C-alpha atoms as a PDB file:
ATOM      1  CA  MET A   1       0.000   0.000   0.000  1.00  0.00           C
ATOM      2  CA  ASN A   2       1.496   3.313  -1.053  1.00  0.00           C
ATOM      3  CA  PRO A   3       1.181   6.565   0.961  1.00  0.00           C
ATOM      4  CA  GLU A   4      -1.715   7.842  -1.150  1.00  0.00           C
ATOM      5  CA  ASN A   5      -3.728   4.656  -0.672  1.00  0.00           C
ATOM      6  CA  LEU A   6      -3.007   4.628   3.068  1.00  0.00           C
ATOM      7  CA  LYS A   7      -4.252   8.216   3.434  1.00  0.00           C
ATOM      8  CA  ARG A   8      -7.340   7.352   1.394  1.00  0.00           C
ATOM      9  CA  LEU A   9      -8.089   4.321   3.581  1.00  0.00           C
ATOM     10  CA  LEU A  10      -7.731   6.298   6.817  1.00  0.00           C
ATOM     11  CA  GLN A  11     -10.017   9.009   5.448  1.00  0.00           C
ATOM     12  CA  GLU A  12     -12.626   6.429   4.455  1.00  0.00           C
ATOM     13  CA  VAL A  13     -12.570   4.968   7.968  1.00  0.00           C
ATOM     14  CA  LYS A  14     -12.899   8.456   9.443  1.00  0.00           C
ATOM     15  CA  ASN A  15     -15.860   9.250   7.173  1.00  0.00           C
ATOM     16  CA  GLY A  16     -17.559   5.923   7.872  1.00  0.00           C
ATOM     17  CA  LYS A  17     -17.241   4.667   4.263  1.00  0.00           C
ATOM     18  CA  THR A  18     -15.035   1.738   5.338  1.00  0.00           C
ATOM     19  CA  ASP A  19     -15.476  -0.159   8.610  1.00  0.00           C
ATOM     20  CA  ILE A  20     -12.553  -0.955  10.859  1.00  0.00           C
ATOM     21  CA  GLN A  21     -12.518  -4.691  10.075  1.00  0.00           C
ATOM     22  CA  GLU A  22     -12.301  -4.035   6.328  1.00  0.00           C
ATOM     23  CA  ALA A  23      -9.476  -1.584   6.959  1.00  0.00           C
ATOM     24  CA  LEU A  24      -7.643  -4.203   9.005  1.00  0.00           C
ATOM     25  CA  ASN A  25      -8.083  -6.720   6.189  1.00  0.00           C
ATOM     26  CA  GLN A  26      -6.467  -4.278   3.773  1.00  0.00           C
ATOM     27  CA  LEU A  27      -3.616  -3.612   6.199  1.00  0.00           C
ATOM     28  CA  LYS A  28      -2.873  -7.262   7.076  1.00  0.00           C
ATOM     29  CA  ASP A  29      -0.124  -7.484   4.468  1.00  0.00           C
ATOM     30  CA  PHE A  30       0.940  -3.860   4.992  1.00  0.00           C
ATOM     31  CA  SER A  31       4.575  -4.672   5.773  1.00  0.00           C
ATOM     32  CA  PHE A  32       5.137  -7.596   3.400  1.00  0.00           C
ATOM     33  CA  LYS A  33       3.215 -10.300   1.606  1.00  0.00           C
ATOM     34  CA  ASP A  34       4.523 -13.860   1.887  1.00  0.00           C
ATOM     35  CA  LEU A  35       3.867 -15.776  -1.343  1.00  0.00           C
ATOM     36  CA  GLY A  36       5.854 -18.788  -0.166  1.00  0.00           C
ATOM     37  CA  HIS A  37       8.629 -18.370  -2.715  1.00  0.00           C
ATOM     38  CA  THR A  38       8.840 -14.565  -2.312  1.00  0.00           C
ATOM     39  CA  LYS A  39       8.199 -11.991   0.393  1.00  0.00           C
ATOM     40  CA  ILE A  40       7.000  -8.810  -1.335  1.00  0.00           C
ATOM     41  CA  ASP A  41       8.008  -5.634   0.462  1.00  0.00           C
ATOM     42  CA  ASN A  42       4.759  -3.610   0.483  1.00  0.00           C
ATOM     43  CA  HIS A  43       6.298  -1.042   2.840  1.00  0.00           C
ATOM     44  CA  ARG A  44       9.261  -0.045   0.672  1.00  0.00           C
ATOM     45  CA  GLU A  45       7.672   2.976  -1.005  1.00  0.00           C
ATOM     46  CA  LEU A  46       6.729   4.445   2.384  1.00  0.00           C
ATOM     47  CA  ARG A  47      10.300   4.006   3.630  1.00  0.00           C
ATOM     48  CA  THR A  48      12.280   4.984   0.552  1.00  0.00           C
ATOM     49  CA  GLY A  49       9.929   6.799  -1.827  1.00  0.00           C
ATOM     50  CA  TYR A  50      10.303   4.050  -4.440  1.00  0.00           C
ATOM     51  CA  PRO A  51       8.328   0.782  -4.713  1.00  0.00           C
ATOM     52  CA  GLU A  52       9.922  -2.649  -4.958  1.00  0.00           C
ATOM     53  CA  VAL A  53      11.145  -3.581  -8.442  1.00  0.00           C
ATOM     54  CA  ILE A  54      11.123  -7.185  -9.704  1.00  0.00           C
ATOM     55  CA  PHE A  55      14.474  -8.662 -10.771  1.00  0.00           C
ATOM     56  CA  CYS A  56      13.412 -11.527 -13.040  1.00  0.00           C
ATOM     57  CA  SER A  57      16.764 -13.221 -13.610  1.00  0.00           C
ATOM     58  CA  GLY A  58      16.871 -16.502 -11.680  1.00  0.00           C
ATOM     59  CA  LYS A  59      13.104 -16.524 -11.060  1.00  0.00           C
ATOM     60  CA  THR A  60      10.742 -18.905 -12.807  1.00  0.00           C
ATOM     61  CA  VAL A  61       7.975 -17.673 -15.095  1.00  0.00           C
ATOM     62  CA  GLU A  62       5.421 -18.746 -12.495  1.00  0.00           C
ATOM     63  CA  GLN A  63       7.184 -16.882  -9.687  1.00  0.00           C
ATOM     64  CA  VAL A  64       7.296 -13.629 -11.653  1.00  0.00           C
ATOM     65  CA  ARG A  65       3.645 -13.986 -12.620  1.00  0.00           C
ATOM     66  CA  ASP A  66       2.664 -14.613  -8.969  1.00  0.00           C
ATOM     67  CA  ILE A  67       4.594 -11.535  -7.831  1.00  0.00           C
ATOM     68  CA  ILE A  68       3.039  -9.288 -10.457  1.00  0.00           C
ATOM     69  CA  SER A  69      -0.419 -10.718  -9.774  1.00  0.00           C
ATOM     70  CA  HIS A  70      -0.137  -9.624  -6.143  1.00  0.00           C
ATOM     71  CA  MET A  71       1.400  -6.266  -6.959  1.00  0.00           C
ATOM     72  CA  LEU A  72      -1.477  -5.513  -9.341  1.00  0.00           C
ATOM     73  CA  THR A  73      -3.863  -5.564  -6.365  1.00  0.00           C
ATOM     74  CA  LYS A  74      -2.055  -2.507  -4.973  1.00  0.00           C
ATOM     75  CA  ASN A  75      -2.832  -0.446  -8.090  1.00  0.00           C
ATOM     76  CA  ASN A  76       0.746   0.828  -8.352  1.00  0.00           C
ATOM     77  CA  ASN A  77       3.070   1.103 -11.309  1.00  0.00           C
ATOM     78  CA  ILE A  78       5.183  -2.048 -11.739  1.00  0.00           C
ATOM     79  CA  LEU A  79       8.671  -2.457 -13.169  1.00  0.00           C
ATOM     80  CA  ALA A  80      10.303  -5.833 -13.846  1.00  0.00           C
ATOM     81  CA  THR A  81      13.906  -5.962 -15.070  1.00  0.00           C
ATOM     82  CA  ARG A  82      15.923  -8.679 -16.869  1.00  0.00           C
ATOM     83  CA  ALA A  83      12.729 -10.194 -18.253  1.00  0.00           C
ATOM     84  CA  ASP A  84      12.421 -12.250 -21.434  1.00  0.00           C
ATOM     85  CA  LYS A  85       9.650 -12.859 -23.942  1.00  0.00           C
ATOM     86  CA  GLU A  86       8.462 -16.014 -22.187  1.00  0.00           C
ATOM     87  CA  ILE A  87       7.981 -14.134 -18.916  1.00  0.00           C
ATOM     88  CA  PHE A  88       6.263 -11.252 -20.702  1.00  0.00           C
ATOM     89  CA  ASP A  89       3.844 -13.564 -22.522  1.00  0.00           C
ATOM     90  CA  SER A  90       2.843 -15.054 -19.164  1.00  0.00           C
ATOM     91  CA  VAL A  91       2.393 -11.620 -17.567  1.00  0.00           C
ATOM     92  CA  LYS A  92       0.370 -10.425 -20.560  1.00  0.00           C
ATOM     93  CA  LYS A  93      -2.250 -13.086 -19.788  1.00  0.00           C
ATOM     94  CA  ILE A  94      -3.008 -11.464 -16.420  1.00  0.00           C
ATOM     95  CA  CYS A  95      -2.373  -7.845 -17.435  1.00  0.00           C
ATOM     96  CA  ALA A  96      -3.303  -6.850 -20.977  1.00  0.00           C
ATOM     97  CA  ASP A  97      -1.671  -3.402 -20.772  1.00  0.00           C
ATOM     98  CA  ALA A  98       1.786  -4.677 -19.735  1.00  0.00           C
ATOM     99  CA  LYS A  99       4.560  -3.347 -22.003  1.00  0.00           C
ATOM    100  CA  PHE A 100       7.751  -5.154 -22.982  1.00  0.00           C
ATOM    101  CA  ASN A 101      10.965  -3.406 -24.022  1.00  0.00           C
ATOM    102  CA  ALA A 102      13.000  -6.133 -25.691  1.00  0.00           C
ATOM    103  CA  ALA A 103      16.213  -4.086 -25.803  1.00  0.00           C
ATOM    104  CA  ALA A 104      16.073  -3.141 -22.122  1.00  0.00           C
ATOM    105  CA  ARG A 105      14.532  -6.497 -21.116  1.00  0.00           C
ATOM    106  CA  THR A 106      11.950  -4.691 -18.984  1.00  0.00           C
ATOM    107  CA  ILE A 107       8.240  -5.116 -18.338  1.00  0.00           C
ATOM    108  CA  THR A 108       6.319  -2.017 -17.268  1.00  0.00           C
ATOM    109  CA  ILE A 109       2.749  -1.620 -16.065  1.00  0.00           C
ATOM    110  CA  LYS A 110       1.393   1.887 -15.612  1.00  0.00           C
ATOM    111  CA  ARG A 111      -1.393   2.702 -13.189  1.00  0.00           C
ATOM    112  CA  LYS A 112      -0.687   6.367 -12.396  1.00  0.00           C
ATOM    113  CA  ASP A 113       1.222   9.257 -13.929  1.00  0.00           C
ATOM    114  CA  LEU A 114       4.540  10.165 -12.330  1.00  0.00           C
ATOM    115  CA  LYS A 115       6.321  13.268 -13.551  1.00  0.00           C
ATOM    116  CA  ILE A 116       9.319  15.204 -12.250  1.00  0.00           C
ATOM    117  CA  PRO A 117       8.834  18.569 -13.952  1.00  0.00           C
ATOM    118  CA  GLY A 118      11.421  20.645 -15.747  1.00  0.00           C
ATOM    119  CA  THR A 119      14.601  18.574 -15.474  1.00  0.00           C
ATOM    120  CA  VAL A 120      16.202  16.023 -17.779  1.00  0.00           C
ATOM    121  CA  ILE A 121      18.387  12.945 -17.358  1.00  0.00           C
ATOM    122  CA  SER A 122      20.710  12.182 -20.260  1.00  0.00           C
ATOM    123  CA  VAL A 123      21.631   8.564 -20.925  1.00  0.00           C
ATOM    124  CA  VAL A 124      24.758   8.398 -23.082  1.00  0.00           C
ATOM    125  CA  SER A 125      26.181   5.204 -24.551  1.00  0.00           C
ATOM    126  CA  ALA A 126      29.579   4.626 -26.129  1.00  0.00           C
ATOM    127  CA  GLY A 127      28.568   2.042 -28.742  1.00  0.00           C
ATOM    128  CA  THR A 128      25.526   0.383 -30.220  1.00  0.00           C
ATOM    129  CA  SER A 129      26.531  -2.802 -28.375  1.00  0.00           C
ATOM    130  CA  ASP A 130      26.092  -0.921 -25.071  1.00  0.00           C
ATOM    131  CA  MET A 131      22.523   0.066 -25.900  1.00  0.00           C
ATOM    132  CA  PRO A 132      20.717  -2.723 -23.980  1.00  0.00           C
ATOM    133  CA  VAL A 133      22.266  -1.558 -20.701  1.00  0.00           C
ATOM    134  CA  ALA A 134      21.739   2.096 -21.627  1.00  0.00           C
ATOM    135  CA  GLU A 135      18.132   1.400 -22.522  1.00  0.00           C
ATOM    136  CA  GLU A 136      17.591  -0.327 -19.157  1.00  0.00           C
ATOM    137  CA  ALA A 137      18.836   2.845 -17.452  1.00  0.00           C
ATOM    138  CA  ALA A 138      16.607   5.035 -19.614  1.00  0.00           C
ATOM    139  CA  VAL A 139      13.472   2.924 -19.094  1.00  0.00           C
ATOM    140  CA  THR A 140      14.097   2.836 -15.332  1.00  0.00           C
ATOM    141  CA  ALA A 141      14.466   6.621 -15.118  1.00  0.00           C
ATOM    142  CA  GLU A 142      11.347   7.134 -17.240  1.00  0.00           C
ATOM    143  CA  PHE A 143       9.389   4.673 -15.113  1.00  0.00           C
ATOM    144  CA  PHE A 144      10.020   6.860 -12.064  1.00  0.00           C
ATOM    145  CA  GLY A 145       8.694   9.983 -13.801  1.00  0.00           C
ATOM    146  CA  ASN A 146      11.830  11.526 -15.296  1.00  0.00           C
ATOM    147  CA  LYS A 147      12.211  13.070 -18.709  1.00  0.00           C
ATOM    148  CA  VAL A 148      15.040  11.170 -20.428  1.00  0.00           C
ATOM    149  CA  GLN A 149      17.228  12.126 -23.353  1.00  0.00           C
ATOM    150  CA  ARG A 150      18.994   9.274 -25.156  1.00  0.00           C
ATOM    151  CA  VAL A 151      22.368   9.944 -26.801  1.00  0.00           C
ATOM    152  CA  PHE A 152      23.641   6.636 -28.149  1.00  0.00           C
ATOM    153  CA  ASP A 153      26.757   5.534 -30.068  1.00  0.00           C
ATOM    154  CA  VAL A 154      29.036   8.495 -29.279  1.00  0.00           C
ATOM    155  CA  GLY A 155      32.118   6.630 -28.025  1.00  0.00           C
ATOM    156  CA  VAL A 156      35.762   7.629 -28.068  1.00  0.00           C
ATOM    157  CA  ALA A 157      36.487   5.954 -31.414  1.00  0.00           C
ATOM    158  CA  GLY A 158      34.616   8.885 -32.996  1.00  0.00           C
ATOM    159  CA  ILE A 159      34.533  11.518 -30.267  1.00  0.00           C
ATOM    160  CA  HIS A 160      33.223  14.195 -32.644  1.00  0.00           C
ATOM    161  CA  ARG A 161      29.850  12.452 -32.352  1.00  0.00           C
ATOM    162  CA  LEU A 162      29.776  13.349 -28.650  1.00  0.00           C
ATOM    163  CA  TYR A 163      30.676  16.983 -29.279  1.00  0.00           C
ATOM    164  CA  ASP A 164      27.769  17.246 -31.709  1.00  0.00           C
ATOM    165  CA  LYS A 165      25.349  16.542 -28.815  1.00  0.00           C
ATOM    166  CA  LEU A 166      27.279  18.273 -26.038  1.00  0.00           C
ATOM    167  CA  ASP A 167      25.077  21.371 -25.749  1.00  0.00           C
ATOM    168  CA  GLU A 168      22.010  19.171 -25.220  1.00  0.00           C
ATOM    169  CA  ILE A 169      23.799  16.932 -22.725  1.00  0.00           C
ATOM    170  CA  ARG A 170      24.912  19.946 -20.679  1.00  0.00           C
ATOM    171  CA  LYS A 171      21.278  20.926 -20.089  1.00  0.00           C
ATOM    172  CA  SER A 172      20.717  17.746 -18.080  1.00  0.00           C
ATOM    173  CA  LYS A 173      20.631  17.639 -14.297  1.00  0.00           C
ATOM    174  CA  VAL A 174      22.401  14.287 -14.158  1.00  0.00           C
ATOM    175  CA  ILE A 175      24.102  12.176 -16.840  1.00  0.00           C
ATOM    176  CA  VAL A 176      24.341   8.397 -17.082  1.00  0.00           C
ATOM    177  CA  VAL A 177      27.256   7.253 -19.265  1.00  0.00           C
ATOM    178  CA  VAL A 178      27.400   3.627 -20.408  1.00  0.00           C
ATOM    179  CA  ALA A 179      30.543   2.120 -21.943  1.00  0.00           C
ATOM    180  CA  GLY A 180      32.356  -1.156 -22.425  1.00  0.00           C
ATOM    181  CA  MET A 181      35.819  -1.874 -23.856  1.00  0.00           C
ATOM    182  CA  GLU A 182      38.233   0.320 -21.827  1.00  0.00           C
ATOM    183  CA  GLY A 183      35.405   2.414 -20.333  1.00  0.00           C
ATOM    184  CA  ALA A 184      36.885   5.830 -21.160  1.00  0.00           C
ATOM    185  CA  LEU A 185      33.738   7.735 -22.112  1.00  0.00           C
ATOM    186  CA  PRO A 186      32.514   8.741 -18.599  1.00  0.00           C
ATOM    187  CA  SER A 187      35.840  10.467 -17.853  1.00  0.00           C
ATOM    188  CA  ILE A 188      35.641  12.432 -21.087  1.00  0.00           C
ATOM    189  CA  VAL A 189      32.038  13.453 -20.496  1.00  0.00           C
ATOM    190  CA  LYS A 190      32.723  14.546 -16.909  1.00  0.00           C
ATOM    191  CA  GLY A 191      35.639  16.674 -18.074  1.00  0.00           C
ATOM    192  CA  LEU A 192      33.207  18.627 -20.261  1.00  0.00           C
ATOM    193  CA  VAL A 193      30.141  19.114 -18.016  1.00  0.00           C
ATOM    194  CA  ASP A 194      29.275  20.569 -14.607  1.00  0.00           C
ATOM    195  CA  LYS A 195      26.719  17.877 -13.729  1.00  0.00           C
ATOM    196  CA  PRO A 196      27.116  14.592 -11.815  1.00  0.00           C
ATOM    197  CA  VAL A 197      27.989  11.605 -13.991  1.00  0.00           C
ATOM    198  CA  ILE A 198      26.938   8.051 -13.176  1.00  0.00           C
ATOM    199  CA  ALA A 199      29.208   5.631 -15.040  1.00  0.00           C
ATOM    200  CA  VAL A 200      28.019   2.171 -16.069  1.00  0.00           C
ATOM    201  CA  PRO A 201      30.623  -0.354 -17.247  1.00  0.00           C
ATOM    202  CA  THR A 202      29.336  -3.017 -19.619  1.00  0.00           C
ATOM    203  CA  SER A 203      30.587  -6.512 -20.318  1.00  0.00           C
ATOM    204  CA  ILE A 204      31.104  -5.610 -23.989  1.00  0.00           C
ATOM    205  CA  GLY A 205      34.673  -6.001 -25.243  1.00  0.00           C
ATOM    206  CA  TYR A 206      37.391  -8.349 -26.413  1.00  0.00           C
ATOM    207  CA  GLY A 207      39.255 -10.825 -24.184  1.00  0.00           C
ATOM    208  CA  ALA A 208      41.269  -8.376 -22.083  1.00  0.00           C
ATOM    209  CA  ASN A 209      38.027  -6.584 -21.245  1.00  0.00           C
ATOM    210  CA  PHE A 210      37.415  -9.495 -18.833  1.00  0.00           C
ATOM    211  CA  ASN A 211      33.624  -9.247 -19.226  1.00  0.00           C
ATOM    212  CA  GLY A 212      33.542  -5.623 -18.113  1.00  0.00           C
ATOM    213  CA  LEU A 213      36.223  -5.665 -15.433  1.00  0.00           C
ATOM    214  CA  SER A 214      38.599  -3.433 -17.421  1.00  0.00           C
ATOM    215  CA  ALA A 215      35.826  -0.878 -17.988  1.00  0.00           C
ATOM    216  CA  LEU A 216      34.859  -1.023 -14.300  1.00  0.00           C
ATOM    217  CA  LEU A 217      38.433  -0.440 -13.122  1.00  0.00           C
ATOM    218  CA  GLY A 218      38.933   2.340 -15.656  1.00  0.00           C
ATOM    219  CA  MET A 219      35.856   4.151 -14.406  1.00  0.00           C
ATOM    220  CA  LEU A 220      36.767   3.639 -10.739  1.00  0.00           C
ATOM    221  CA  THR A 221      40.208   5.133 -11.389  1.00  0.00           C
ATOM    222  CA  SER A 222      38.874   8.075 -13.405  1.00  0.00           C
ATOM    223  CA  CYS A 223      40.806  11.312 -12.931  1.00  0.00           C
ATOM    224  CA  ALA A 224      37.631  13.327 -13.629  1.00  0.00           C
ATOM    225  CA  SER A 225      36.071  14.468 -10.354  1.00  0.00           C
ATOM    226  CA  GLY A 226      32.388  13.743  -9.900  1.00  0.00           C
ATOM    227  CA  VAL A 227      32.181  10.345 -11.591  1.00  0.00           C
ATOM    228  CA  THR A 228      30.249   7.741  -9.594  1.00  0.00           C
ATOM    229  CA  VAL A 229      30.334   4.116 -10.752  1.00  0.00           C
ATOM    230  CA  VAL A 230      27.740   1.334 -10.529  1.00  0.00           C
ATOM    231  CA  ASN A 231      28.301  -2.375 -11.133  1.00  0.00           C
ATOM    232  CA  ILE A 232      28.917  -4.019 -14.504  1.00  0.00           C
ATOM    233  CA  ASP A 233      25.805  -3.956 -16.753  1.00  0.00           C
ATOM    234  CA  ASN A 234      23.757  -2.357 -13.955  1.00  0.00           C
ATOM    235  CA  GLY A 235      21.639  -0.008 -16.056  1.00  0.00           C
ATOM    236  CA  PHE A 236      18.798  -0.292 -13.549  1.00  0.00           C
ATOM    237  CA  GLY A 237      20.979   0.891 -10.664  1.00  0.00           C
ATOM    238  CA  ALA A 238      22.198   3.856 -12.685  1.00  0.00           C
ATOM    239  CA  GLY A 239      18.691   4.870 -13.755  1.00  0.00           C
ATOM    240  CA  PHE A 240      17.432   4.539 -10.179  1.00  0.00           C
ATOM    241  CA  ALA A 241      20.275   6.662  -8.761  1.00  0.00           C
ATOM    242  CA  ALA A 242      19.825   9.264 -11.495  1.00  0.00           C
ATOM    243  CA  SER A 243      16.149   9.528 -10.621  1.00  0.00           C
ATOM    244  CA  MET A 244      16.951  10.107  -6.935  1.00  0.00           C
ATOM    245  CA  ILE A 245      19.403  12.874  -7.836  1.00  0.00           C
ATOM    246  CA  ASN A 246      16.939  14.418 -10.257  1.00  0.00           C
ATOM    247  CA  LYS A 247      14.251  14.577  -7.552  1.00  0.00           C
ATOM    248  CA  LEU A 248      16.405  16.548  -5.128  1.00  0.00           C
END
């Protein structure tokens, strides 16, 4: 139950539209709901301002469907990450308006409008191969009500492509930069802007990239002040953090 629904329920009890027993029934899973295989944190939005998000990797199709089925009863927006077409097809059977972003591997269900007015998050990717992670960051930020600008395929192999979009990027409040290979792009971007940069290393690269480790270490050792780094391929974490900064 989100804060708005809790306030509504208390007001209905006060006005006599809902009796106390019915209110108690609605509040019985207020903290968390135990589905047997999963304990859904119904209280998270009250504590943190953001609802629980479903990480589908490692879960069965049935488990994800059960989780979403319960979350639909709360009438909140729902985001599931690292989903595939099989999971989406199952969710679609219980929620006709669910949307699947194949590039980002996300499922979104919208029940209310969320908008953070006036400010923009830029999501910048080095190469086309980095786009799935970048798209996960963009979809996550949009899900939480942010206006997102995508600037893809502007890596260091052709840095003039970045300069062509630099004026637009500088208008952002926070910038997510996604790169594989040696992971140099976040340092370059941060040396050109006065906004916080969230760097996302990807597992894209040849052998010595070590599945993203070289990009991660390059970003962690950046000489550009103001670069913060999330884990390898963690577009969701970057989009979530960018949204929190953008709300300040």
